[in-house]
Amino acid sequence: QSLTRLSEHAQLYSRNTLAEHLRHERALPPRGKEQPAMNGAKVE
């Protein structure tokens, strides 16, 4: 499970269109619904 989470972090970090492909392949929620909006402390 930890390695799977790490894979998702790495793919997000890669900053290319592969992230969209992974969203489709893994049936991830669409962009903007993956997690609640960051609060002020997290943005800072």
ModelCIF file with pLDDT and N, C-alpha, C, O atoms, coordinates in Angstrom:
data_MODEL
#
_entry.id   MODEL 
#
_entity.id                         1 
_entity.type                       polymer 
_entity.pdbx_number_of_molecules   1 
#
_entity_poly.entity_id                      1 
_entity_poly.type                           'polypeptide(L)' 
_entity_poly.nstd_linkage                   no 
_entity_poly.nstd_monomer                   no 
_entity_poly.pdbx_seq_one_letter_code       QSLTRLSEHAQLYSRNTLAEHLRHERALPPRGKEQPAMNGAKVE 
_entity_poly.pdbx_seq_one_letter_code_can   QSLTRLSEHAQLYSRNTLAEHLRHERALPPRGKEQPAMNGAKVE 
_entity_poly.pdbx_strand_id                 A 
#
loop_
_entity_poly_seq.entity_id 
_entity_poly_seq.num 
_entity_poly_seq.mon_id 
_entity_poly_seq.hetero 
1 1  GLN n 
1 2  SER n 
1 3  LEU n 
1 4  THR n 
1 5  ARG n 
1 6  LEU n 
1 7  SER n 
1 8  GLU n 
1 9  HIS n 
1 10 ALA n 
1 11 GLN n 
1 12 LEU n 
1 13 TYR n 
1 14 SER n 
1 15 ARG n 
1 16 ASN n 
1 17 THR n 
1 18 LEU n 
1 19 ALA n 
1 20 GLU n 
1 21 HIS n 
1 22 LEU n 
1 23 ARG n 
1 24 HIS n 
1 25 GLU n 
1 26 ARG n 
1 27 ALA n 
1 28 LEU n 
1 29 PRO n 
1 30 PRO n 
1 31 ARG n 
1 32 GLY n 
1 33 LYS n 
1 34 GLU n 
1 35 GLN n 
1 36 PRO n 
1 37 ALA n 
1 38 MET n 
1 39 ASN n 
1 40 GLY n 
1 41 ALA n 
1 42 LYS n 
1 43 VAL n 
1 44 GLU n 
#
_struct_asym.id          A 
_struct_asym.entity_id   1 
#
loop_
_ma_qa_metric.id 
_ma_qa_metric.mode 
_ma_qa_metric.name 
_ma_qa_metric.software_group_id 
_ma_qa_metric.type 
1 global pLDDT . pLDDT 
2 local  pLDDT . pLDDT 
#
_ma_qa_metric_global.metric_id      1 
_ma_qa_metric_global.metric_value   38.45 
_ma_qa_metric_global.model_id       1 
_ma_qa_metric_global.ordinal_id     1 
#
loop_
_ma_qa_metric_local.label_asym_id 
_ma_qa_metric_local.label_comp_id 
_ma_qa_metric_local.label_seq_id 
_ma_qa_metric_local.metric_id 
_ma_qa_metric_local.metric_value 
_ma_qa_metric_local.model_id 
_ma_qa_metric_local.ordinal_id 
A GLN 1  2 41.00 1 1  
A SER 2  2 43.00 1 2  
A LEU 3  2 40.00 1 3  
A THR 4  2 39.00 1 4  
A ARG 5  2 46.00 1 5  
A LEU 6  2 44.00 1 6  
A SER 7  2 41.00 1 7  
A GLU 8  2 43.00 1 8  
A HIS 9  2 47.00 1 9  
A ALA 10 2 44.00 1 10 
A GLN 11 2 43.00 1 11 
A LEU 12 2 45.00 1 12 
A TYR 13 2 45.00 1 13 
A SER 14 2 43.00 1 14 
A ARG 15 2 40.00 1 15 
A ASN 16 2 39.00 1 16 
A THR 17 2 31.00 1 17 
A LEU 18 2 30.00 1 18 
A ALA 19 2 35.00 1 19 
A GLU 20 2 33.00 1 20 
A HIS 21 2 32.00 1 21 
A LEU 22 2 29.00 1 22 
A ARG 23 2 32.00 1 23 
A HIS 24 2 33.00 1 24 
A GLU 25 2 33.00 1 25 
A ARG 26 2 33.00 1 26 
A ALA 27 2 34.00 1 27 
A LEU 28 2 36.00 1 28 
A PRO 29 2 37.00 1 29 
A PRO 30 2 36.00 1 30 
A ARG 31 2 35.00 1 31 
A GLY 32 2 38.00 1 32 
A LYS 33 2 37.00 1 33 
A GLU 34 2 37.00 1 34 
A GLN 35 2 38.00 1 35 
A PRO 36 2 37.00 1 36 
A ALA 37 2 37.00 1 37 
A MET 38 2 38.00 1 38 
A ASN 39 2 43.00 1 39 
A GLY 40 2 41.00 1 40 
A ALA 41 2 39.00 1 41 
A LYS 42 2 42.00 1 42 
A VAL 43 2 39.00 1 43 
A GLU 44 2 44.00 1 44 
#
loop_
_atom_site.group_PDB 
_atom_site.id 
_atom_site.type_symbol 
_atom_site.label_atom_id 
_atom_site.label_alt_id 
_atom_site.label_comp_id 
_atom_site.label_asym_id 
_atom_site.label_entity_id 
_atom_site.label_seq_id 
_atom_site.pdbx_PDB_ins_code 
_atom_site.Cartn_x 
_atom_site.Cartn_y 
_atom_site.Cartn_z 
_atom_site.occupancy 
_atom_site.B_iso_or_equiv 
_atom_site.pdbx_formal_charge 
_atom_site.auth_seq_id 
_atom_site.auth_comp_id 
_atom_site.auth_asym_id 
_atom_site.auth_atom_id 
_atom_site.pdbx_PDB_model_num 
ATOM 1   N N  . GLN A 1 1  ? 0.821   -1.208 0.000   1.00 41.00 ? 1  GLN A N  1 
ATOM 2   C CA . GLN A 1 1  ? 0.000   0.000  0.000   1.00 41.00 ? 1  GLN A CA 1 
ATOM 3   C C  . GLN A 1 1  ? 0.851   1.252  0.000   1.00 41.00 ? 1  GLN A C  1 
ATOM 4   O O  . GLN A 1 1  ? 0.538   2.217  -0.697  1.00 41.00 ? 1  GLN A O  1 
ATOM 5   N N  . SER A 1 2  ? 1.941   1.248  0.785   1.00 43.00 ? 2  SER A N  1 
ATOM 6   C CA . SER A 1 2  ? 2.830   2.416  0.819   1.00 43.00 ? 2  SER A CA 1 
ATOM 7   C C  . SER A 1 2  ? 3.469   2.659  -0.534  1.00 43.00 ? 2  SER A C  1 
ATOM 8   O O  . SER A 1 2  ? 3.581   3.801  -0.981  1.00 43.00 ? 2  SER A O  1 
ATOM 9   N N  . LEU A 1 3  ? 3.892   1.571  -1.193  1.00 40.00 ? 3  LEU A N  1 
ATOM 10  C CA . LEU A 1 3  ? 4.518   1.720  -2.503  1.00 40.00 ? 3  LEU A CA 1 
ATOM 11  C C  . LEU A 1 3  ? 3.516   2.234  -3.527  1.00 40.00 ? 3  LEU A C  1 
ATOM 12  O O  . LEU A 1 3  ? 3.867   3.015  -4.412  1.00 40.00 ? 3  LEU A O  1 
ATOM 13  N N  . THR A 1 4  ? 2.253   1.787  -3.402  1.00 39.00 ? 4  THR A N  1 
ATOM 14  C CA . THR A 1 4  ? 1.233   2.272  -4.328  1.00 39.00 ? 4  THR A CA 1 
ATOM 15  C C  . THR A 1 4  ? 1.007   3.760  -4.148  1.00 39.00 ? 4  THR A C  1 
ATOM 16  O O  . THR A 1 4  ? 0.896   4.495  -5.129  1.00 39.00 ? 4  THR A O  1 
ATOM 17  N N  . ARG A 1 5  ? 0.938   4.214  -2.890  1.00 46.00 ? 5  ARG A N  1 
ATOM 18  C CA . ARG A 1 5  ? 0.792   5.657  -2.638  1.00 46.00 ? 5  ARG A CA 1 
ATOM 19  C C  . ARG A 1 5  ? 1.990   6.407  -3.192  1.00 46.00 ? 5  ARG A C  1 
ATOM 20  O O  . ARG A 1 5  ? 1.838   7.479  -3.779  1.00 46.00 ? 5  ARG A O  1 
ATOM 21  N N  . LEU A 1 6  ? 3.173   5.853  -3.009  1.00 44.00 ? 6  LEU A N  1 
ATOM 22  C CA . LEU A 1 6  ? 4.379   6.500  -3.511  1.00 44.00 ? 6  LEU A CA 1 
ATOM 23  C C  . LEU A 1 6  ? 4.351   6.600  -5.024  1.00 44.00 ? 6  LEU A C  1 
ATOM 24  O O  . LEU A 1 6  ? 4.778   7.610  -5.584  1.00 44.00 ? 6  LEU A O  1 
ATOM 25  N N  . SER A 1 7  ? 3.853   5.562  -5.697  1.00 41.00 ? 7  SER A N  1 
ATOM 26  C CA . SER A 1 7  ? 3.743   5.628  -7.150  1.00 41.00 ? 7  SER A CA 1 
ATOM 27  C C  . SER A 1 7  ? 2.850   6.790  -7.568  1.00 41.00 ? 7  SER A C  1 
ATOM 28  O O  . SER A 1 7  ? 3.174   7.534  -8.494  1.00 41.00 ? 7  SER A O  1 
ATOM 29  N N  . GLU A 1 8  ? 1.724   6.936  -6.875  1.00 43.00 ? 8  GLU A N  1 
ATOM 30  C CA . GLU A 1 8  ? 0.804   8.019  -7.239  1.00 43.00 ? 8  GLU A CA 1 
ATOM 31  C C  . GLU A 1 8  ? 1.444   9.380  -7.016  1.00 43.00 ? 8  GLU A C  1 
ATOM 32  O O  . GLU A 1 8  ? 1.255   10.296 -7.815  1.00 43.00 ? 8  GLU A O  1 
ATOM 33  N N  . HIS A 1 9  ? 2.221   9.519  -5.906  1.00 47.00 ? 9  HIS A N  1 
ATOM 34  C CA . HIS A 1 9  ? 2.941   10.776 -5.663  1.00 47.00 ? 9  HIS A CA 1 
ATOM 35  C C  . HIS A 1 9  ? 3.934   11.053 -6.793  1.00 47.00 ? 9  HIS A C  1 
ATOM 36  O O  . HIS A 1 9  ? 4.019   12.173 -7.297  1.00 47.00 ? 9  HIS A O  1 
ATOM 37  N N  . ALA A 1 10 ? 4.682   10.021 -7.182  1.00 44.00 ? 10 ALA A N  1 
ATOM 38  C CA . ALA A 1 10 ? 5.704   10.223 -8.208  1.00 44.00 ? 10 ALA A CA 1 
ATOM 39  C C  . ALA A 1 10 ? 5.088   10.614 -9.538  1.00 44.00 ? 10 ALA A C  1 
ATOM 40  O O  . ALA A 1 10 ? 5.618   11.468 -10.248 1.00 44.00 ? 10 ALA A O  1 
ATOM 41  N N  . GLN A 1 11 ? 3.966   9.990  -9.875  1.00 43.00 ? 11 GLN A N  1 
ATOM 42  C CA . GLN A 1 11 ? 3.350   10.310 -11.151 1.00 43.00 ? 11 GLN A CA 1 
ATOM 43  C C  . GLN A 1 11 ? 2.800   11.737 -11.160 1.00 43.00 ? 11 GLN A C  1 
ATOM 44  O O  . GLN A 1 11 ? 2.908   12.443 -12.163 1.00 43.00 ? 11 GLN A O  1 
ATOM 45  N N  . LEU A 1 12 ? 2.202   12.160 -10.027 1.00 45.00 ? 12 LEU A N  1 
ATOM 46  C CA . LEU A 1 12 ? 1.711   13.527 -9.935  1.00 45.00 ? 12 LEU A CA 1 
ATOM 47  C C  . LEU A 1 12 ? 2.855   14.508 -10.078 1.00 45.00 ? 12 LEU A C  1 
ATOM 48  O O  . LEU A 1 12 ? 2.737   15.545 -10.730 1.00 45.00 ? 12 LEU A O  1 
ATOM 49  N N  . TYR A 1 13 ? 3.971   14.152 -9.448  1.00 45.00 ? 13 TYR A N  1 
ATOM 50  C CA . TYR A 1 13 ? 5.137   15.034 -9.460  1.00 45.00 ? 13 TYR A CA 1 
ATOM 51  C C  . TYR A 1 13 ? 5.756   15.159 -10.843 1.00 45.00 ? 13 TYR A C  1 
ATOM 52  O O  . TYR A 1 13 ? 6.418   16.158 -11.126 1.00 45.00 ? 13 TYR A O  1 
ATOM 53  N N  . SER A 1 14 ? 5.560   14.171 -11.715 1.00 43.00 ? 14 SER A N  1 
ATOM 54  C CA . SER A 1 14 ? 6.249   14.154 -13.001 1.00 43.00 ? 14 SER A CA 1 
ATOM 55  C C  . SER A 1 14 ? 5.844   15.277 -13.931 1.00 43.00 ? 14 SER A C  1 
ATOM 56  O O  . SER A 1 14 ? 6.558   15.551 -14.896 1.00 43.00 ? 14 SER A O  1 
ATOM 57  N N  . ARG A 1 15 ? 4.703   15.953 -13.675 1.00 40.00 ? 15 ARG A N  1 
ATOM 58  C CA . ARG A 1 15 ? 4.327   17.154 -14.416 1.00 40.00 ? 15 ARG A CA 1 
ATOM 59  C C  . ARG A 1 15 ? 4.199   16.920 -15.920 1.00 40.00 ? 15 ARG A C  1 
ATOM 60  O O  . ARG A 1 15 ? 4.684   17.731 -16.710 1.00 40.00 ? 15 ARG A O  1 
ATOM 61  N N  . ASN A 1 16 ? 3.571   15.852 -16.319 1.00 39.00 ? 16 ASN A N  1 
ATOM 62  C CA . ASN A 1 16 ? 3.332   15.661 -17.745 1.00 39.00 ? 16 ASN A CA 1 
ATOM 63  C C  . ASN A 1 16 ? 1.972   15.007 -17.949 1.00 39.00 ? 16 ASN A C  1 
ATOM 64  O O  . ASN A 1 16 ? 1.267   14.702 -16.987 1.00 39.00 ? 16 ASN A O  1 
ATOM 65  N N  . THR A 1 17 ? 1.615   14.797 -19.200 1.00 31.00 ? 17 THR A N  1 
ATOM 66  C CA . THR A 1 17 ? 0.272   14.312 -19.510 1.00 31.00 ? 17 THR A CA 1 
ATOM 67  C C  . THR A 1 17 ? 0.048   12.882 -19.063 1.00 31.00 ? 17 THR A C  1 
ATOM 68  O O  . THR A 1 17 ? -1.082  12.398 -19.125 1.00 31.00 ? 17 THR A O  1 
ATOM 69  N N  . LEU A 1 18 ? 1.089   12.183 -18.614 1.00 30.00 ? 18 LEU A N  1 
ATOM 70  C CA . LEU A 1 18 ? 0.891   10.834 -18.111 1.00 30.00 ? 18 LEU A CA 1 
ATOM 71  C C  . LEU A 1 18 ? -0.080  10.815 -16.942 1.00 30.00 ? 18 LEU A C  1 
ATOM 72  O O  . LEU A 1 18 ? -0.780  9.822  -16.743 1.00 30.00 ? 18 LEU A O  1 
ATOM 73  N N  . ALA A 1 19 ? -0.137  11.891 -16.167 1.00 35.00 ? 19 ALA A N  1 
ATOM 74  C CA . ALA A 1 19 ? -1.041  11.939 -15.015 1.00 35.00 ? 19 ALA A CA 1 
ATOM 75  C C  . ALA A 1 19 ? -2.486  11.756 -15.459 1.00 35.00 ? 19 ALA A C  1 
ATOM 76  O O  . ALA A 1 19 ? -3.255  11.064 -14.792 1.00 35.00 ? 19 ALA A O  1 
ATOM 77  N N  . GLU A 1 20 ? -2.864  12.373 -16.587 1.00 33.00 ? 20 GLU A N  1 
ATOM 78  C CA . GLU A 1 20 ? -4.223  12.216 -17.085 1.00 33.00 ? 20 GLU A CA 1 
ATOM 79  C C  . GLU A 1 20 ? -4.484  10.764 -17.489 1.00 33.00 ? 20 GLU A C  1 
ATOM 80  O O  . GLU A 1 20 ? -5.566  10.223 -17.259 1.00 33.00 ? 20 GLU A O  1 
ATOM 81  N N  . HIS A 1 21 ? -3.473  10.150 -18.093 1.00 32.00 ? 21 HIS A N  1 
ATOM 82  C CA . HIS A 1 21 ? -3.616  8.746  -18.488 1.00 32.00 ? 21 HIS A CA 1 
ATOM 83  C C  . HIS A 1 21 ? -3.820  7.865  -17.259 1.00 32.00 ? 21 HIS A C  1 
ATOM 84  O O  . HIS A 1 21 ? -4.656  6.961  -17.267 1.00 32.00 ? 21 HIS A O  1 
ATOM 85  N N  . LEU A 1 22 ? -3.047  8.135  -16.194 1.00 29.00 ? 22 LEU A N  1 
ATOM 86  C CA . LEU A 1 22 ? -3.176  7.342  -14.986 1.00 29.00 ? 22 LEU A CA 1 
ATOM 87  C C  . LEU A 1 22 ? -4.536  7.542  -14.329 1.00 29.00 ? 22 LEU A C  1 
ATOM 88  O O  . LEU A 1 22 ? -5.092  6.604  -13.758 1.00 29.00 ? 22 LEU A O  1 
ATOM 89  N N  . ARG A 1 23 ? -5.067  8.736  -14.404 1.00 32.00 ? 23 ARG A N  1 
ATOM 90  C CA . ARG A 1 23 ? -6.397  8.960  -13.853 1.00 32.00 ? 23 ARG A CA 1 
ATOM 91  C C  . ARG A 1 23 ? -7.419  8.039  -14.529 1.00 32.00 ? 23 ARG A C  1 
ATOM 92  O O  . ARG A 1 23 ? -8.311  7.494  -13.879 1.00 32.00 ? 23 ARG A O  1 
ATOM 93  N N  . HIS A 1 24 ? -7.269  7.882  -15.831 1.00 33.00 ? 24 HIS A N  1 
ATOM 94  C CA . HIS A 1 24 ? -8.210  7.025  -16.565 1.00 33.00 ? 24 HIS A CA 1 
ATOM 95  C C  . HIS A 1 24 ? -7.984  5.555  -16.226 1.00 33.00 ? 24 HIS A C  1 
ATOM 96  O O  . HIS A 1 24 ? -8.927  4.804  -15.975 1.00 33.00 ? 24 HIS A O  1 
ATOM 97  N N  . GLU A 1 25 ? -6.672  5.152  -16.225 1.00 33.00 ? 25 GLU A N  1 
ATOM 98  C CA . GLU A 1 25 ? -6.359  3.752  -16.020 1.00 33.00 ? 25 GLU A CA 1 
ATOM 99  C C  . GLU A 1 25 ? -6.734  3.283  -14.610 1.00 33.00 ? 25 GLU A C  1 
ATOM 100 O O  . GLU A 1 25 ? -7.180  2.150  -14.426 1.00 33.00 ? 25 GLU A O  1 
ATOM 101 N N  . ARG A 1 26 ? -6.550  4.163  -13.614 1.00 33.00 ? 26 ARG A N  1 
ATOM 102 C CA . ARG A 1 26 ? -6.821  3.768  -12.233 1.00 33.00 ? 26 ARG A CA 1 
ATOM 103 C C  . ARG A 1 26 ? -8.185  4.247  -11.747 1.00 33.00 ? 26 ARG A C  1 
ATOM 104 O O  . ARG A 1 26 ? -8.517  4.107  -10.570 1.00 33.00 ? 26 ARG A O  1 
ATOM 105 N N  . ALA A 1 27 ? -8.977  4.818  -12.667 1.00 34.00 ? 27 ALA A N  1 
ATOM 106 C CA . ALA A 1 27 ? -10.313 5.309  -12.322 1.00 34.00 ? 27 ALA A CA 1 
ATOM 107 C C  . ALA A 1 27 ? -10.262 6.276  -11.162 1.00 34.00 ? 27 ALA A C  1 
ATOM 108 O O  . ALA A 1 27 ? -11.111 6.234  -10.271 1.00 34.00 ? 27 ALA A O  1 
ATOM 109 N N  . LEU A 1 28 ? -9.262  7.153  -11.168 1.00 36.00 ? 28 LEU A N  1 
ATOM 110 C CA . LEU A 1 28 ? -9.145  8.152  -10.120 1.00 36.00 ? 28 LEU A CA 1 
ATOM 111 C C  . LEU A 1 28 ? -10.195 9.225  -10.336 1.00 36.00 ? 28 LEU A C  1 
ATOM 112 O O  . LEU A 1 28 ? -10.663 9.406  -11.460 1.00 36.00 ? 28 LEU A O  1 
ATOM 113 N N  . PRO A 1 29 ? -10.575 9.941  -9.289  1.00 37.00 ? 29 PRO A N  1 
ATOM 114 C CA . PRO A 1 29 ? -11.535 11.024 -9.455  1.00 37.00 ? 29 PRO A CA 1 
ATOM 115 C C  . PRO A 1 29 ? -10.987 12.078 -10.385 1.00 37.00 ? 29 PRO A C  1 
ATOM 116 O O  . PRO A 1 29 ? -9.769  12.216 -10.495 1.00 37.00 ? 29 PRO A O  1 
ATOM 117 N N  . PRO A 1 30 ? -11.848 12.837 -11.069 1.00 36.00 ? 30 PRO A N  1 
ATOM 118 C CA . PRO A 1 30 ? -11.376 13.882 -11.975 1.00 36.00 ? 30 PRO A CA 1 
ATOM 119 C C  . PRO A 1 30 ? -10.649 14.969 -11.221 1.00 36.00 ? 30 PRO A C  1 
ATOM 120 O O  . PRO A 1 30 ? -10.828 15.146 -10.016 1.00 36.00 ? 30 PRO A O  1 
ATOM 121 N N  . ARG A 1 31 ? -9.821  15.697 -11.961 1.00 35.00 ? 31 ARG A N  1 
ATOM 122 C CA . ARG A 1 31 ? -9.050  16.787 -11.366 1.00 35.00 ? 31 ARG A CA 1 
ATOM 123 C C  . ARG A 1 31 ? -10.016 17.751 -10.654 1.00 35.00 ? 31 ARG A C  1 
ATOM 124 O O  . ARG A 1 31 ? -11.085 18.093 -11.158 1.00 35.00 ? 31 ARG A O  1 
ATOM 125 N N  . GLY A 1 32 ? -9.590  18.158 -9.484  1.00 38.00 ? 32 GLY A N  1 
ATOM 126 C CA . GLY A 1 32 ? -10.393 19.075 -8.699  1.00 38.00 ? 32 GLY A CA 1 
ATOM 127 C C  . GLY A 1 32 ? -11.244 18.368 -7.664  1.00 38.00 ? 32 GLY A C  1 
ATOM 128 O O  . GLY A 1 32 ? -11.791 19.014 -6.771  1.00 38.00 ? 32 GLY A O  1 
ATOM 129 N N  . LYS A 1 33 ? -11.369 17.015 -7.767  1.00 37.00 ? 33 LYS A N  1 
ATOM 130 C CA . LYS A 1 33 ? -12.158 16.273 -6.795  1.00 37.00 ? 33 LYS A CA 1 
ATOM 131 C C  . LYS A 1 33 ? -11.313 15.233 -6.070  1.00 37.00 ? 33 LYS A C  1 
ATOM 132 O O  . LYS A 1 33 ? -11.846 14.385 -5.354  1.00 37.00 ? 33 LYS A O  1 
ATOM 133 N N  . GLU A 1 34 ? -10.010 15.294 -6.253  1.00 37.00 ? 34 GLU A N  1 
ATOM 134 C CA . GLU A 1 34 ? -9.146  14.297 -5.645  1.00 37.00 ? 34 GLU A CA 1 
ATOM 135 C C  . GLU A 1 34 ? -9.061  14.452 -4.140  1.00 37.00 ? 34 GLU A C  1 
ATOM 136 O O  . GLU A 1 34 ? -8.945  13.460 -3.419  1.00 37.00 ? 34 GLU A O  1 
ATOM 137 N N  . GLN A 1 35 ? -9.119  15.703 -3.648  1.00 38.00 ? 35 GLN A N  1 
ATOM 138 C CA . GLN A 1 35 ? -8.991  15.954 -2.232  1.00 38.00 ? 35 GLN A CA 1 
ATOM 139 C C  . GLN A 1 35 ? -9.608  17.308 -1.945  1.00 38.00 ? 35 GLN A C  1 
ATOM 140 O O  . GLN A 1 35 ? -9.766  18.124 -2.853  1.00 38.00 ? 35 GLN A O  1 
ATOM 141 N N  . PRO A 1 36 ? -9.961  17.556 -0.684  1.00 37.00 ? 36 PRO A N  1 
ATOM 142 C CA . PRO A 1 36 ? -10.517 18.853 -0.340  1.00 37.00 ? 36 PRO A CA 1 
ATOM 143 C C  . PRO A 1 36 ? -9.528  19.958 -0.644  1.00 37.00 ? 36 PRO A C  1 
ATOM 144 O O  . PRO A 1 36 ? -8.318  19.735 -0.687  1.00 37.00 ? 36 PRO A O  1 
ATOM 145 N N  . ALA A 1 37 ? -10.061 21.161 -0.856  1.00 37.00 ? 37 ALA A N  1 
ATOM 146 C CA . ALA A 1 37 ? -9.182  22.298 -1.129  1.00 37.00 ? 37 ALA A CA 1 
ATOM 147 C C  . ALA A 1 37 ? -8.238  22.512 0.031   1.00 37.00 ? 37 ALA A C  1 
ATOM 148 O O  . ALA A 1 37 ? -8.616  22.312 1.185   1.00 37.00 ? 37 ALA A O  1 
ATOM 149 N N  . MET A 1 38 ? -6.999  22.920 -0.264  1.00 38.00 ? 38 MET A N  1 
ATOM 150 C CA . MET A 1 38 ? -6.003  23.163 0.762   1.00 38.00 ? 38 MET A CA 1 
ATOM 151 C C  . MET A 1 38 ? -6.404  24.377 1.577   1.00 38.00 ? 38 MET A C  1 
ATOM 152 O O  . MET A 1 38 ? -6.805  25.401 1.024   1.00 38.00 ? 38 MET A O  1 
ATOM 153 N N  . ASN A 1 39 ? -6.293  24.261 2.904   1.00 43.00 ? 39 ASN A N  1 
ATOM 154 C CA . ASN A 1 39 ? -6.602  25.416 3.728   1.00 43.00 ? 39 ASN A CA 1 
ATOM 155 C C  . ASN A 1 39 ? -5.441  26.396 3.701   1.00 43.00 ? 39 ASN A C  1 
ATOM 156 O O  . ASN A 1 39 ? -4.417  26.136 3.069   1.00 43.00 ? 39 ASN A O  1 
ATOM 157 N N  . GLY A 1 40 ? -5.599  27.520 4.386   1.00 41.00 ? 40 GLY A N  1 
ATOM 158 C CA . GLY A 1 40 ? -4.570  28.557 4.325   1.00 41.00 ? 40 GLY A CA 1 
ATOM 159 C C  . GLY A 1 40 ? -3.222  28.094 4.807   1.00 41.00 ? 40 GLY A C  1 
ATOM 160 O O  . GLY A 1 40 ? -2.195  28.470 4.241   1.00 41.00 ? 40 GLY A O  1 
ATOM 161 N N  . ALA A 1 41 ? -3.209  27.259 5.873   1.00 39.00 ? 41 ALA A N  1 
ATOM 162 C CA . ALA A 1 41 ? -1.930  26.793 6.410   1.00 39.00 ? 41 ALA A CA 1 
ATOM 163 C C  . ALA A 1 41 ? -1.205  25.913 5.407   1.00 39.00 ? 41 ALA A C  1 
ATOM 164 O O  . ALA A 1 41 ? 0.017   25.988 5.274   1.00 39.00 ? 41 ALA A O  1 
ATOM 165 N N  . LYS A 1 42 ? -1.976  25.060 4.687   1.00 42.00 ? 42 LYS A N  1 
ATOM 166 C CA . LYS A 1 42 ? -1.332  24.180 3.714   1.00 42.00 ? 42 LYS A CA 1 
ATOM 167 C C  . LYS A 1 42 ? -0.837  24.974 2.511   1.00 42.00 ? 42 LYS A C  1 
ATOM 168 O O  . LYS A 1 42 ? 0.229   24.676 1.972   1.00 42.00 ? 42 LYS A O  1 
ATOM 169 N N  . VAL A 1 43 ? -1.583  25.961 2.092   1.00 39.00 ? 43 VAL A N  1 
ATOM 170 C CA . VAL A 1 43 ? -1.125  26.790 0.985   1.00 39.00 ? 43 VAL A CA 1 
ATOM 171 C C  . VAL A 1 43 ? 0.169   27.495 1.355   1.00 39.00 ? 43 VAL A C  1 
ATOM 172 O O  . VAL A 1 43 ? 1.093   27.589 0.548   1.00 39.00 ? 43 VAL A O  1 
ATOM 173 N N  . GLU A 1 44 ? 0.223   27.993 2.598   1.00 44.00 ? 44 GLU A N  1 
ATOM 174 C CA . GLU A 1 44 ? 1.444   28.664 3.038   1.00 44.00 ? 44 GLU A CA 1 
ATOM 175 C C  . GLU A 1 44 ? 2.607   27.684 3.086   1.00 44.00 ? 44 GLU A C  1 
ATOM 176 O O  . GLU A 1 44 ? 3.723   28.066 3.436   1.00 44.00 ? 44 GLU A O  1 
#
